[in-house]
């Protein structure tokens, strides 16, 4: 950014409600800013932009609205910055009635934060706010309360289609909206119905949409078409659910819309990759955020690390560590581990441990990274635990049957399938059985699945792989020691695993014999010569 303070080489900088636009910009006019929003692509061995967008045709550089102004401005001169322009026109939708009051003081405080009331009066006229409430506090209710208070046409943008129905249910449960006043935009045909008058937009009070739908629309018709869509629908508030996901799409939507308010909902305002996280944090640097997490009162889940050694050969270690251009392959590891006898032995021990502490109505969630390994575990559980209902919550199951699987006692899933909004009633045990990862936000999300007190998270750590041990130690320090009520560790040798299984067999045999003694004698046969 040399000499930019003295002689601006671009400008002016236009400030919108969710982004900034540097006009008359040419590449390298602000090298410092471009470096701040670049990451190294390990696959192609080049630096690529992340979080900014350059329109070469119009010579405009789009910058996230949360960036510090002095990084983006061409100079310190007032005439080089256009003050915040008004939002695009939007519609008021009439009074929205709520069916329930906030459940506690934390929800009330979060609502005051979103509305700019009381101690958060400074937020009243701010266009961007980040709501980072921990799982269970009630981000969903706070977002719905905010919508009802403003009574402005709103759009909720989610990471996947599975969550659209859940948001619809929450809206119907908490407000007096009718079902036909909530419209789901899923694919181009649903948008064409609005634009062609088949569906009257003026009758819609709340829109539900996925990132993929908006991305496809912008990719096909140009990103300016996104702004035109929002203007035609007269949307005044947009809300991102799980705003740590689809970061690039969030930026692109923010660049090409100018709503009155934008809210970012996520319990984990982080990215897994270190360099991507630096860019992500810069994008939200000036946006107020609130978490209200109490490190003393909020933790309610125990953490147990079950360490073992699958004894991989040197060839296995090297093959899995170099399976992809990014290094260690989780898929290859799970393929290797599921072929070992220890896979079934440890699954047996985990089932015994969990079922011993579960009551009728309690459930357990087991994470396994691949569908192939899930099917192996499913067939084994169906045979050896025939009296336990086992479900699968992945792409293996048709969409219309997925919700039924959450009623099973033991649920097999992946971190990709069991995303943030998944709420399983009575979840007592969570087992990271065969899905090692090093993502801090994913660890928090996994722990967040257990919303009741006295729950437990069990993670299997294969000490035969140095990378898995490193990931375990990183998560232990960054996540579990902060969010768990207690952290414990058990190390099993092969001998101890076999002894534990023998002890389980002895106990089951003893229990069976006791039950047989208590059975009534139906008939007494006397052997005759």
Foldseek 3Di string as FASTA:
>chain_A
DPPLAPDQPWAQWEAFQWKIKIFPADPPSQVVLQVLQWDADLVVRHIDGHQWDADVVRRMIIHTNQFDPVSPGSHPDPVSYDPYDDFFFFDQQDAKDWPDDQDDDVLVVLLCCCCCDDPSVVCNQRAEAEEQAAFPNPPLVSVLVNCNVRRTQEEEEEADPLCQVVSLVVNVVTIVDDSLQEEEDDADVSLVCPVVVVRPLSSHRYYYYYLVRLVVVCVVPNLLVLQVSCNSSRGAEYEYAQCCPPVRSVSSSSRNHRHSHYYYYHNDQAWQDPSVRSSSCSSNVNHYYDYPDDLVPQFFAEEEEEEEALPDDPVLQCCQQPVDSVGHDLVSQLVVVLVGPVLVLVVVVVVVVVVVPDDPQAAEEEAAADPVSVVVVVVVCCVPVVVFFEAEQDPVDDPVCNVVRLSGRYYYYHLVRCDQVDARPNYAEYEDRRGADQGQSSVSSSSSNDNDHNHYYYYYAHPNHPVSVVSVVNNVVRPCVRRHPYYYYHYDYPVNSVVVVVVVVVVVVVVVVVVVVPDDDPDDDDDDD
